[in-house]
Amino acid sequence: MNDVILSRIAEALTWTGRYVERADATARILDAYLHRLLEDPWRDEDTACRSLYAILGLDAGGEPVDMQQVLDQLAFDARTTCSIEGALGAARLNARSAREAVSSEMWECLNSTWHALADQRTAARRTGPYAYLELVRRRAALFFGLADSTMSRDDSWRFVVLGRSLERVDMTVRLLSVRVLDAAHAPDWPTLLSASGADEAYARVYGGFGDTPRVAEFLLLDRDFPRSALHALTTAEECLAALGRPRQDPARRPIGRTRTRLEYLDSAALEEGLPHLLRDLQQACMASAEAVAERFFPYQGPVEWAQEGA
């Protein structure tokens, strides 16, 4: 295959990993917020909904917002990759463009998930979105599990994992940024843990449920939790190293510097410099993603599958 085809496959695999991770993370966030609203009926729904929009960088507008509107935009809207359905649709299109690189089981997982969404969406409007969100979370876990168990540890697998890792850091930073930088729409610490799928892991480490800023330390610095920023950055750097990128490569350098910074950061420094650290994390991931695109996807011309919408 020529370099243009290889570049297109690498790009498709990277975005497949990113979009599946985005759908999974968005489903977890929505599920956590919905459960908090059910547990605390006095919680202001408009404030909670605006917090959800803030996490994903969307404008909620000036009118009151309810959860059904949020679900319509962040779960069921197939026209934008900011939503679950749009992200999964884009993942499916990208995987179809790289069918020779992904396993048949991975493709079947994405394809069957996409076709199951319509019925789940209809049911969600009648009985609530929980089954819909659970389906997305389970199928995302299945997809990445199949990637780990049915793909050779070659460059194709590395691009999928690289995409997942960069998206995972971005979503973790978005969650914490709303808590730290946007006091008007800040979720509480237990909601952040639940939205990150980290509540049980946190409880095992610290012997209780998170209601302190220690949650930020866990989500950023824990070496063993796979959704922490440090773990995801380490994985991304390992993928880039295996792809032949030297330490001073523009794609690997910002990831490696930020990973090293997290490795040796103590709790006191973290609490004091958290806002700046979150900005630096997001900028590092953006810089790395842009450098990866420039290095590995250098072709010119139209792209036939969905690209990032926001």
C-alpha atoms as a PDB file:
ATOM      1  CA  MET A   1       0.000   0.000   0.000  1.00  0.00           C
ATOM      2  CA  ASN A   2       1.243   3.500  -0.718  1.00  0.00           C
ATOM      3  CA  ASP A   3       1.887   6.158   1.943  1.00  0.00           C
ATOM      4  CA  VAL A   4      -1.424   7.933   1.276  1.00  0.00           C
ATOM      5  CA  ILE A   5      -3.419   4.776   2.002  1.00  0.00           C
ATOM      6  CA  LEU A   6      -1.302   4.023   5.084  1.00  0.00           C
ATOM      7  CA  SER A   7      -1.817   7.577   6.313  1.00  0.00           C
ATOM      8  CA  ARG A   8      -5.564   7.294   5.854  1.00  0.00           C
ATOM      9  CA  ILE A   9      -5.669   3.999   7.749  1.00  0.00           C
ATOM     10  CA  ALA A  10      -3.577   5.413  10.606  1.00  0.00           C
ATOM     11  CA  GLU A  11      -5.862   8.426  10.852  1.00  0.00           C
ATOM     12  CA  ALA A  12      -8.992   6.294  10.753  1.00  0.00           C
ATOM     13  CA  LEU A  13      -7.683   4.048  13.537  1.00  0.00           C
ATOM     14  CA  THR A  14      -6.673   6.987  15.725  1.00  0.00           C
ATOM     15  CA  TRP A  15     -10.081   8.616  15.392  1.00  0.00           C
ATOM     16  CA  THR A  16     -11.861   5.313  15.936  1.00  0.00           C
ATOM     17  CA  GLY A  17     -10.133   5.056  19.313  1.00  0.00           C
ATOM     18  CA  ARG A  18     -10.914   8.681  20.141  1.00  0.00           C
ATOM     19  CA  TYR A  19     -14.567   8.532  19.172  1.00  0.00           C
ATOM     20  CA  VAL A  20     -15.321   5.301  21.031  1.00  0.00           C
ATOM     21  CA  GLU A  21     -13.629   6.699  24.137  1.00  0.00           C
ATOM     22  CA  ARG A  22     -15.578   9.954  23.764  1.00  0.00           C
ATOM     23  CA  ALA A  23     -18.888   8.097  23.544  1.00  0.00           C
ATOM     24  CA  ASP A  24     -17.975   6.030  26.606  1.00  0.00           C
ATOM     25  CA  ALA A  25     -16.882   9.051  28.652  1.00  0.00           C
ATOM     26  CA  THR A  26     -19.960  11.063  27.689  1.00  0.00           C
ATOM     27  CA  ALA A  27     -22.239   8.159  28.638  1.00  0.00           C
ATOM     28  CA  ARG A  28     -20.536   7.882  32.035  1.00  0.00           C
ATOM     29  CA  ILE A  29     -20.857  11.616  32.656  1.00  0.00           C
ATOM     30  CA  LEU A  30     -24.536  11.707  31.719  1.00  0.00           C
ATOM     31  CA  ASP A  31     -25.283   8.643  33.835  1.00  0.00           C
ATOM     32  CA  ALA A  32     -23.533  10.128  36.879  1.00  0.00           C
ATOM     33  CA  TYR A  33     -25.449  13.401  36.605  1.00  0.00           C
ATOM     34  CA  LEU A  34     -28.778  11.654  36.095  1.00  0.00           C
ATOM     35  CA  HIS A  35     -28.269   9.529  39.196  1.00  0.00           C
ATOM     36  CA  ARG A  36     -27.326  12.593  41.262  1.00  0.00           C
ATOM     37  CA  LEU A  37     -30.523  14.328  40.189  1.00  0.00           C
ATOM     38  CA  LEU A  38     -32.551  11.280  41.189  1.00  0.00           C
ATOM     39  CA  GLU A  39     -30.816  10.967  44.554  1.00  0.00           C
ATOM     40  CA  ASP A  40     -31.212  14.671  45.337  1.00  0.00           C
ATOM     41  CA  PRO A  41     -34.537  15.975  43.961  1.00  0.00           C
ATOM     42  CA  TRP A  42     -33.747  19.405  45.406  1.00  0.00           C
ATOM     43  CA  ARG A  43     -30.705  19.786  43.180  1.00  0.00           C
ATOM     44  CA  ASP A  44     -31.205  22.506  40.563  1.00  0.00           C
ATOM     45  CA  GLU A  45     -31.687  20.806  37.189  1.00  0.00           C
ATOM     46  CA  ASP A  46     -30.738  23.859  35.139  1.00  0.00           C
ATOM     47  CA  THR A  47     -27.416  24.223  36.989  1.00  0.00           C
ATOM     48  CA  ALA A  48     -26.635  20.527  36.550  1.00  0.00           C
ATOM     49  CA  CYS A  49     -27.406  20.715  32.839  1.00  0.00           C
ATOM     50  CA  ARG A  50     -25.237  23.786  32.379  1.00  0.00           C
ATOM     51  CA  SER A  51     -22.416  21.917  34.102  1.00  0.00           C
ATOM     52  CA  LEU A  52     -22.765  19.139  31.522  1.00  0.00           C
ATOM     53  CA  TYR A  53     -22.584  21.634  28.671  1.00  0.00           C
ATOM     54  CA  ALA A  54     -19.544  23.279  30.259  1.00  0.00           C
ATOM     55  CA  ILE A  55     -17.693  19.952  30.491  1.00  0.00           C
ATOM     56  CA  LEU A  56     -18.056  19.410  26.747  1.00  0.00           C
ATOM     57  CA  GLY A  57     -17.331  23.036  25.892  1.00  0.00           C
ATOM     58  CA  LEU A  58     -20.818  23.815  24.575  1.00  0.00           C
ATOM     59  CA  ASP A  59     -22.880  26.974  25.032  1.00  0.00           C
ATOM     60  CA  ALA A  60     -26.072  26.342  27.009  1.00  0.00           C
ATOM     61  CA  GLY A  61     -27.619  29.657  25.959  1.00  0.00           C
ATOM     62  CA  GLY A  62     -29.681  32.000  28.087  1.00  0.00           C
ATOM     63  CA  GLU A  63     -32.880  29.969  28.381  1.00  0.00           C
ATOM     64  CA  PRO A  64     -33.496  27.383  31.120  1.00  0.00           C
ATOM     65  CA  VAL A  65     -32.150  23.931  30.237  1.00  0.00           C
ATOM     66  CA  ASP A  66     -33.605  20.569  31.257  1.00  0.00           C
ATOM     67  CA  MET A  67     -32.197  17.059  31.124  1.00  0.00           C
ATOM     68  CA  GLN A  68     -34.265  16.019  28.117  1.00  0.00           C
ATOM     69  CA  GLN A  69     -32.699  18.822  26.090  1.00  0.00           C
ATOM     70  CA  VAL A  70     -29.271  17.713  27.264  1.00  0.00           C
ATOM     71  CA  LEU A  71     -29.952  14.118  26.237  1.00  0.00           C
ATOM     72  CA  ASP A  72     -31.230  15.203  22.831  1.00  0.00           C
ATOM     73  CA  GLN A  73     -28.003  17.122  22.201  1.00  0.00           C
ATOM     74  CA  LEU A  74     -25.352  15.105  24.048  1.00  0.00           C
ATOM     75  CA  ALA A  75     -26.697  11.575  23.577  1.00  0.00           C
ATOM     76  CA  PHE A  76     -29.062  11.292  20.629  1.00  0.00           C
ATOM     77  CA  ASP A  77     -27.823  13.864  18.086  1.00  0.00           C
ATOM     78  CA  ALA A  78     -26.159  11.959  15.233  1.00  0.00           C
ATOM     79  CA  ARG A  79     -25.093  15.175  13.478  1.00  0.00           C
ATOM     80  CA  THR A  80     -22.259  16.103  15.843  1.00  0.00           C
ATOM     81  CA  THR A  81     -19.353  14.124  17.267  1.00  0.00           C
ATOM     82  CA  CYS A  82     -19.871  15.923  20.584  1.00  0.00           C
ATOM     83  CA  SER A  83     -22.782  13.544  21.212  1.00  0.00           C
ATOM     84  CA  ILE A  84     -22.734   9.824  21.949  1.00  0.00           C
ATOM     85  CA  GLU A  85     -24.582   8.860  18.800  1.00  0.00           C
ATOM     86  CA  GLY A  86     -22.516  11.150  16.598  1.00  0.00           C
ATOM     87  CA  ALA A  87     -19.250   9.879  18.076  1.00  0.00           C
ATOM     88  CA  LEU A  88     -20.226   6.230  17.610  1.00  0.00           C
ATOM     89  CA  GLY A  89     -21.371   6.913  14.057  1.00  0.00           C
ATOM     90  CA  ALA A  90     -18.037   8.559  13.289  1.00  0.00           C
ATOM     91  CA  ALA A  91     -16.166   5.668  14.941  1.00  0.00           C
ATOM     92  CA  ARG A  92     -18.083   3.199  12.773  1.00  0.00           C
ATOM     93  CA  LEU A  93     -17.285   5.116   9.582  1.00  0.00           C
ATOM     94  CA  ASN A  94     -13.614   5.336  10.477  1.00  0.00           C
ATOM     95  CA  ALA A  95     -13.438   1.631  11.356  1.00  0.00           C
ATOM     96  CA  ARG A  96     -15.100   0.778   8.045  1.00  0.00           C
ATOM     97  CA  SER A  97     -12.403   2.805   6.289  1.00  0.00           C
ATOM     98  CA  ALA A  98      -9.774   0.672   8.023  1.00  0.00           C
ATOM     99  CA  ARG A  99     -11.463  -2.736   7.792  1.00  0.00           C
ATOM    100  CA  GLU A 100      -8.221  -4.431   6.790  1.00  0.00           C
ATOM    101  CA  ALA A 101      -6.574  -3.202  10.028  1.00  0.00           C
ATOM    102  CA  VAL A 102      -9.265  -3.874  12.644  1.00  0.00           C
ATOM    103  CA  SER A 103     -10.451  -7.360  13.544  1.00  0.00           C
ATOM    104  CA  SER A 104     -13.824  -8.658  12.370  1.00  0.00           C
ATOM    105  CA  GLU A 105     -15.019  -8.836  15.968  1.00  0.00           C
ATOM    106  CA  MET A 106     -14.181  -5.171  16.547  1.00  0.00           C
ATOM    107  CA  TRP A 107     -16.059  -4.176  13.423  1.00  0.00           C
ATOM    108  CA  GLU A 108     -19.058  -6.307  14.354  1.00  0.00           C
ATOM    109  CA  CYS A 109     -19.093  -4.742  17.816  1.00  0.00           C
ATOM    110  CA  LEU A 110     -19.227  -1.197  16.429  1.00  0.00           C
ATOM    111  CA  ASN A 111     -21.651  -2.056  13.636  1.00  0.00           C
ATOM    112  CA  SER A 112     -24.126  -3.898  15.871  1.00  0.00           C
ATOM    113  CA  THR A 113     -23.915  -1.136  18.468  1.00  0.00           C
ATOM    114  CA  TRP A 114     -24.733   1.496  15.886  1.00  0.00           C
ATOM    115  CA  HIS A 115     -27.750  -0.439  14.633  1.00  0.00           C
ATOM    116  CA  ALA A 116     -28.982  -1.046  18.193  1.00  0.00           C
ATOM    117  CA  LEU A 117     -28.992   2.649  19.087  1.00  0.00           C
ATOM    118  CA  ALA A 118     -32.248   3.512  17.309  1.00  0.00           C
ATOM    119  CA  ASP A 119     -34.319   1.036  19.353  1.00  0.00           C
ATOM    120  CA  GLN A 120     -32.536   2.049  22.547  1.00  0.00           C
ATOM    121  CA  ARG A 121     -33.185   5.709  21.793  1.00  0.00           C
ATOM    122  CA  THR A 122     -36.900   5.038  21.334  1.00  0.00           C
ATOM    123  CA  ALA A 123     -37.029   3.089  24.592  1.00  0.00           C
ATOM    124  CA  ALA A 124     -35.093   5.837  26.375  1.00  0.00           C
ATOM    125  CA  ARG A 125     -37.780   8.383  25.577  1.00  0.00           C
ATOM    126  CA  ARG A 126     -40.375   6.129  27.239  1.00  0.00           C
ATOM    127  CA  THR A 127     -38.583   4.587  30.195  1.00  0.00           C
ATOM    128  CA  GLY A 128     -35.457   6.684  30.706  1.00  0.00           C
ATOM    129  CA  PRO A 129     -31.952   6.707  29.236  1.00  0.00           C
ATOM    130  CA  TYR A 130     -30.253   4.282  31.625  1.00  0.00           C
ATOM    131  CA  ALA A 131     -30.388   1.217  29.350  1.00  0.00           C
ATOM    132  CA  TYR A 132     -29.137   3.342  26.440  1.00  0.00           C
ATOM    133  CA  LEU A 133     -26.192   4.661  28.454  1.00  0.00           C
ATOM    134  CA  GLU A 134     -25.403   1.218  29.832  1.00  0.00           C
ATOM    135  CA  LEU A 135     -25.338  -0.245  26.314  1.00  0.00           C
ATOM    136  CA  VAL A 136     -22.846   2.402  25.208  1.00  0.00           C
ATOM    137  CA  ARG A 137     -20.574   1.833  28.208  1.00  0.00           C
ATOM    138  CA  ARG A 138     -20.620  -1.948  27.836  1.00  0.00           C
ATOM    139  CA  ARG A 139     -20.014  -1.891  24.086  1.00  0.00           C
ATOM    140  CA  ALA A 140     -17.158   0.592  24.424  1.00  0.00           C
ATOM    141  CA  ALA A 141     -15.527  -1.681  26.996  1.00  0.00           C
ATOM    142  CA  LEU A 142     -16.127  -4.644  24.695  1.00  0.00           C
ATOM    143  CA  PHE A 143     -14.617  -2.813  21.713  1.00  0.00           C
ATOM    144  CA  PHE A 144     -11.387  -1.958  23.531  1.00  0.00           C
ATOM    145  CA  GLY A 145     -11.281  -5.420  25.084  1.00  0.00           C
ATOM    146  CA  LEU A 146     -11.529  -6.923  21.607  1.00  0.00           C
ATOM    147  CA  ALA A 147      -8.788  -4.586  20.402  1.00  0.00           C
ATOM    148  CA  ASP A 148      -6.536  -5.902  23.171  1.00  0.00           C
ATOM    149  CA  SER A 149      -7.420  -9.552  22.578  1.00  0.00           C
ATOM    150  CA  THR A 150      -7.769  -9.787  18.774  1.00  0.00           C
ATOM    151  CA  MET A 151      -5.216  -7.313  17.355  1.00  0.00           C
ATOM    152  CA  SER A 152      -1.499  -7.905  17.074  1.00  0.00           C
ATOM    153  CA  ARG A 153       0.564  -5.376  19.013  1.00  0.00           C
ATOM    154  CA  ASP A 154       1.546  -3.655  15.786  1.00  0.00           C
ATOM    155  CA  ASP A 155       1.196  -0.063  14.611  1.00  0.00           C
ATOM    156  CA  SER A 156      -2.531  -0.490  13.907  1.00  0.00           C
ATOM    157  CA  TRP A 157      -3.189  -1.364  17.538  1.00  0.00           C
ATOM    158  CA  ARG A 158      -0.946   1.475  18.702  1.00  0.00           C
ATOM    159  CA  PHE A 159      -2.911   4.090  16.747  1.00  0.00           C
ATOM    160  CA  VAL A 160      -6.191   2.874  18.297  1.00  0.00           C
ATOM    161  CA  VAL A 161      -4.699   2.998  21.805  1.00  0.00           C
ATOM    162  CA  LEU A 162      -3.026   6.351  21.148  1.00  0.00           C
ATOM    163  CA  GLY A 163      -6.353   7.868  20.116  1.00  0.00           C
ATOM    164  CA  ARG A 164      -8.093   6.414  23.160  1.00  0.00           C
ATOM    165  CA  SER A 165      -5.366   7.701  25.504  1.00  0.00           C
ATOM    166  CA  LEU A 166      -5.367  11.269  24.185  1.00  0.00           C
ATOM    167  CA  GLU A 167      -9.167  11.441  24.378  1.00  0.00           C
ATOM    168  CA  ARG A 168      -9.145   9.984  27.887  1.00  0.00           C
ATOM    169  CA  VAL A 169      -6.795  12.688  29.168  1.00  0.00           C
ATOM    170  CA  ASP A 170      -8.895  15.366  27.486  1.00  0.00           C
ATOM    171  CA  MET A 171     -12.153  14.144  29.043  1.00  0.00           C
ATOM    172  CA  THR A 172     -10.591  13.842  32.515  1.00  0.00           C
ATOM    173  CA  VAL A 173      -9.231  17.383  32.246  1.00  0.00           C
ATOM    174  CA  ARG A 174     -12.624  18.682  31.089  1.00  0.00           C
ATOM    175  CA  LEU A 175     -14.329  17.166  34.124  1.00  0.00           C
ATOM    176  CA  LEU A 176     -11.823  18.610  36.574  1.00  0.00           C
ATOM    177  CA  SER A 177     -11.712  21.996  34.829  1.00  0.00           C
ATOM    178  CA  VAL A 178     -15.424  22.549  35.379  1.00  0.00           C
ATOM    179  CA  ARG A 179     -14.979  21.696  39.065  1.00  0.00           C
ATOM    180  CA  VAL A 180     -11.927  23.914  39.504  1.00  0.00           C
ATOM    181  CA  LEU A 181     -12.355  26.764  37.024  1.00  0.00           C
ATOM    182  CA  ASP A 182     -16.118  27.203  36.721  1.00  0.00           C
ATOM    183  CA  ALA A 183     -17.539  27.591  40.218  1.00  0.00           C
ATOM    184  CA  ALA A 184     -21.005  28.499  38.936  1.00  0.00           C
ATOM    185  CA  HIS A 185     -21.499  25.061  37.350  1.00  0.00           C
ATOM    186  CA  ALA A 186     -19.143  22.977  39.465  1.00  0.00           C
ATOM    187  CA  PRO A 187     -20.140  19.345  40.118  1.00  0.00           C
ATOM    188  CA  ASP A 188     -19.347  17.860  43.519  1.00  0.00           C
ATOM    189  CA  TRP A 189     -16.396  15.507  44.003  1.00  0.00           C
ATOM    190  CA  PRO A 190     -18.476  12.281  44.242  1.00  0.00           C
ATOM    191  CA  THR A 191     -20.136  13.132  40.922  1.00  0.00           C
ATOM    192  CA  LEU A 192     -16.712  13.587  39.343  1.00  0.00           C
ATOM    193  CA  LEU A 193     -15.598  10.198  40.601  1.00  0.00           C
ATOM    194  CA  SER A 194     -18.721   8.496  39.307  1.00  0.00           C
ATOM    195  CA  ALA A 195     -18.476  10.271  35.954  1.00  0.00           C
ATOM    196  CA  SER A 196     -14.921   8.961  35.610  1.00  0.00           C
ATOM    197  CA  GLY A 197     -15.821   5.405  36.572  1.00  0.00           C
ATOM    198  CA  ALA A 198     -13.444   5.863  39.492  1.00  0.00           C
ATOM    199  CA  ASP A 199     -15.646   5.751  42.594  1.00  0.00           C
ATOM    200  CA  GLU A 200     -14.937   2.119  43.523  1.00  0.00           C
ATOM    201  CA  ALA A 201     -11.231   2.307  42.669  1.00  0.00           C
ATOM    202  CA  TYR A 202     -10.917   5.478  44.753  1.00  0.00           C
ATOM    203  CA  ALA A 203     -12.718   3.843  47.681  1.00  0.00           C
ATOM    204  CA  ARG A 204     -10.296   0.892  47.615  1.00  0.00           C
ATOM    205  CA  VAL A 205      -7.262   3.192  47.669  1.00  0.00           C
ATOM    206  CA  TYR A 206      -8.462   5.697  50.266  1.00  0.00           C
ATOM    207  CA  GLY A 207     -10.959   3.632  52.241  1.00  0.00           C
ATOM    208  CA  GLY A 208     -13.934   5.879  51.612  1.00  0.00           C
ATOM    209  CA  PHE A 209     -15.861   7.826  49.034  1.00  0.00           C
ATOM    210  CA  GLY A 210     -14.460  11.038  47.667  1.00  0.00           C
ATOM    211  CA  ASP A 211     -15.679  14.320  49.084  1.00  0.00           C
ATOM    212  CA  THR A 212     -12.373  16.203  49.112  1.00  0.00           C
ATOM    213  CA  PRO A 213      -9.915  17.673  46.596  1.00  0.00           C
ATOM    214  CA  ARG A 214      -7.980  14.411  46.954  1.00  0.00           C
ATOM    215  CA  VAL A 215     -10.214  13.247  44.093  1.00  0.00           C
ATOM    216  CA  ALA A 216      -8.245  15.486  41.734  1.00  0.00           C
ATOM    217  CA  GLU A 217      -5.016  13.872  42.909  1.00  0.00           C
ATOM    218  CA  PHE A 218      -6.424  10.421  42.197  1.00  0.00           C
ATOM    219  CA  LEU A 219      -7.771  11.302  38.745  1.00  0.00           C
ATOM    220  CA  LEU A 220      -4.527  12.979  37.721  1.00  0.00           C
ATOM    221  CA  LEU A 221      -1.681  11.214  39.504  1.00  0.00           C
ATOM    222  CA  ASP A 222      -2.677   7.633  40.276  1.00  0.00           C
ATOM    223  CA  ARG A 223      -0.281   5.299  38.464  1.00  0.00           C
ATOM    224  CA  ASP A 224      -2.541   2.253  38.519  1.00  0.00           C
ATOM    225  CA  PHE A 225      -5.990   3.583  37.624  1.00  0.00           C
ATOM    226  CA  PRO A 226      -6.330   3.330  33.803  1.00  0.00           C
ATOM    227  CA  ARG A 227      -8.444   6.479  33.468  1.00  0.00           C
ATOM    228  CA  SER A 228      -6.047   8.741  35.350  1.00  0.00           C
ATOM    229  CA  ALA A 229      -4.212  11.381  33.360  1.00  0.00           C
ATOM    230  CA  LEU A 230      -0.807   9.967  34.344  1.00  0.00           C
ATOM    231  CA  HIS A 231      -1.706   6.425  33.269  1.00  0.00           C
ATOM    232  CA  ALA A 232      -3.163   7.615  29.948  1.00  0.00           C
ATOM    233  CA  LEU A 233      -0.183   9.878  29.217  1.00  0.00           C
ATOM    234  CA  THR A 234       2.221   7.027  29.972  1.00  0.00           C
ATOM    235  CA  THR A 235       0.323   4.776  27.562  1.00  0.00           C
ATOM    236  CA  ALA A 236       0.293   7.464  24.860  1.00  0.00           C
ATOM    237  CA  GLU A 237       4.034   8.010  25.225  1.00  0.00           C
ATOM    238  CA  GLU A 238       4.697   4.265  25.006  1.00  0.00           C
ATOM    239  CA  CYS A 239       2.687   4.104  21.772  1.00  0.00           C
ATOM    240  CA  LEU A 240       4.597   7.026  20.270  1.00  0.00           C
ATOM    241  CA  ALA A 241       7.932   5.502  21.292  1.00  0.00           C
ATOM    242  CA  ALA A 242       6.962   2.191  19.668  1.00  0.00           C
ATOM    243  CA  LEU A 243       5.922   4.093  16.541  1.00  0.00           C
ATOM    244  CA  GLY A 244       9.522   5.247  16.298  1.00  0.00           C
ATOM    245  CA  ARG A 245       9.186   8.759  17.628  1.00  0.00           C
ATOM    246  CA  PRO A 246      12.308  10.053  19.455  1.00  0.00           C
ATOM    247  CA  ARG A 247      12.038  11.967  22.720  1.00  0.00           C
ATOM    248  CA  GLN A 248      12.400  15.329  20.974  1.00  0.00           C
ATOM    249  CA  ASP A 249       9.713  14.564  18.402  1.00  0.00           C
ATOM    250  CA  PRO A 250       6.963  17.249  18.401  1.00  0.00           C
ATOM    251  CA  ALA A 251       4.335  14.566  19.015  1.00  0.00           C
ATOM    252  CA  ARG A 252       6.109  12.837  21.886  1.00  0.00           C
ATOM    253  CA  ARG A 253       7.816  15.795  23.571  1.00  0.00           C
ATOM    254  CA  PRO A 254       4.725  17.531  25.076  1.00  0.00           C
ATOM    255  CA  ILE A 255       3.333  14.207  26.265  1.00  0.00           C
ATOM    256  CA  GLY A 256       6.640  13.145  27.830  1.00  0.00           C
ATOM    257  CA  ARG A 257       7.229  16.481  29.535  1.00  0.00           C
ATOM    258  CA  THR A 258       3.746  16.558  31.026  1.00  0.00           C
ATOM    259  CA  ARG A 259       3.933  12.909  32.079  1.00  0.00           C
ATOM    260  CA  THR A 260       7.258  13.553  33.836  1.00  0.00           C
ATOM    261  CA  ARG A 261       5.772  16.597  35.547  1.00  0.00           C
ATOM    262  CA  LEU A 262       2.904  14.496  36.901  1.00  0.00           C
ATOM    263  CA  GLU A 263       5.241  11.682  37.957  1.00  0.00           C
ATOM    264  CA  TYR A 264       7.099  13.907  40.430  1.00  0.00           C
ATOM    265  CA  LEU A 265       4.350  16.282  41.501  1.00  0.00           C
ATOM    266  CA  ASP A 266       3.477  16.256  45.209  1.00  0.00           C
ATOM    267  CA  SER A 267       0.028  16.801  46.651  1.00  0.00           C
ATOM    268  CA  ALA A 268       0.685  20.310  47.972  1.00  0.00           C
ATOM    269  CA  ALA A 269       1.988  21.539  44.629  1.00  0.00           C
ATOM    270  CA  LEU A 270      -0.936  19.911  42.848  1.00  0.00           C
ATOM    271  CA  GLU A 271      -3.564  21.703  44.922  1.00  0.00           C
ATOM    272  CA  GLU A 272      -1.828  25.051  44.570  1.00  0.00           C
ATOM    273  CA  GLY A 273      -1.199  24.848  40.834  1.00  0.00           C
ATOM    274  CA  LEU A 274      -4.187  22.802  39.689  1.00  0.00           C
ATOM    275  CA  PRO A 275      -5.792  25.386  37.355  1.00  0.00           C
ATOM    276  CA  HIS A 276      -2.521  25.945  35.480  1.00  0.00           C
ATOM    277  CA  LEU A 277      -1.805  22.225  35.375  1.00  0.00           C
ATOM    278  CA  LEU A 278      -5.181  21.449  33.810  1.00  0.00           C
ATOM    279  CA  ARG A 279      -4.624  24.052  31.104  1.00  0.00           C
ATOM    280  CA  ASP A 280      -1.142  22.683  30.429  1.00  0.00           C
ATOM    281  CA  LEU A 281      -2.474  19.126  30.200  1.00  0.00           C
ATOM    282  CA  GLN A 282      -5.053  20.070  27.620  1.00  0.00           C
ATOM    283  CA  GLN A 283      -2.539  22.097  25.621  1.00  0.00           C
ATOM    284  CA  ALA A 284      -0.045  19.213  25.671  1.00  0.00           C
ATOM    285  CA  CYS A 285      -2.634  16.789  24.313  1.00  0.00           C
ATOM    286  CA  MET A 286      -3.682  19.250  21.603  1.00  0.00           C
ATOM    287  CA  ALA A 287      -0.062  19.852  20.602  1.00  0.00           C
ATOM    288  CA  SER A 288       0.643  16.130  20.468  1.00  0.00           C
ATOM    289  CA  ALA A 289      -2.502  15.391  18.443  1.00  0.00           C
ATOM    290  CA  GLU A 290      -1.604  18.111  15.938  1.00  0.00           C
ATOM    291  CA  ALA A 291       1.968  16.811  15.635  1.00  0.00           C
ATOM    292  CA  VAL A 292       0.713  13.240  15.169  1.00  0.00           C
ATOM    293  CA  ALA A 293      -1.583  14.427  12.386  1.00  0.00           C
ATOM    294  CA  GLU A 294       1.236  16.350  10.703  1.00  0.00           C
ATOM    295  CA  ARG A 295       3.666  13.444  10.947  1.00  0.00           C
ATOM    296  CA  PHE A 296       1.446  10.466  10.173  1.00  0.00           C
ATOM    297  CA  PHE A 297      -1.474  11.924   8.173  1.00  0.00           C
ATOM    298  CA  PRO A 298       0.300  14.298   5.749  1.00  0.00           C
ATOM    299  CA  TYR A 299      -1.788  13.600   2.643  1.00  0.00           C
ATOM    300  CA  GLN A 300      -3.796  16.270   0.847  1.00  0.00           C
ATOM    301  CA  GLY A 301      -7.310  15.982  -0.491  1.00  0.00           C
ATOM    302  CA  PRO A 302     -10.831  15.256   0.745  1.00  0.00           C
ATOM    303  CA  VAL A 303     -11.469  12.817   3.551  1.00  0.00           C
ATOM    304  CA  GLU A 304     -14.372  10.435   3.137  1.00  0.00           C
ATOM    305  CA  TRP A 305     -15.127   9.823   6.793  1.00  0.00           C
ATOM    306  CA  ALA A 306     -16.142  11.976   9.713  1.00  0.00           C
ATOM    307  CA  GLN A 307     -13.649  14.259  11.364  1.00  0.00           C
ATOM    308  CA  GLU A 308     -13.789  15.924  14.759  1.00  0.00           C
ATOM    309  CA  GLY A 309     -16.622  18.395  14.892  1.00  0.00           C
ATOM    310  CA  ALA A 310     -15.461  20.325  17.935  1.00  0.00           C
END
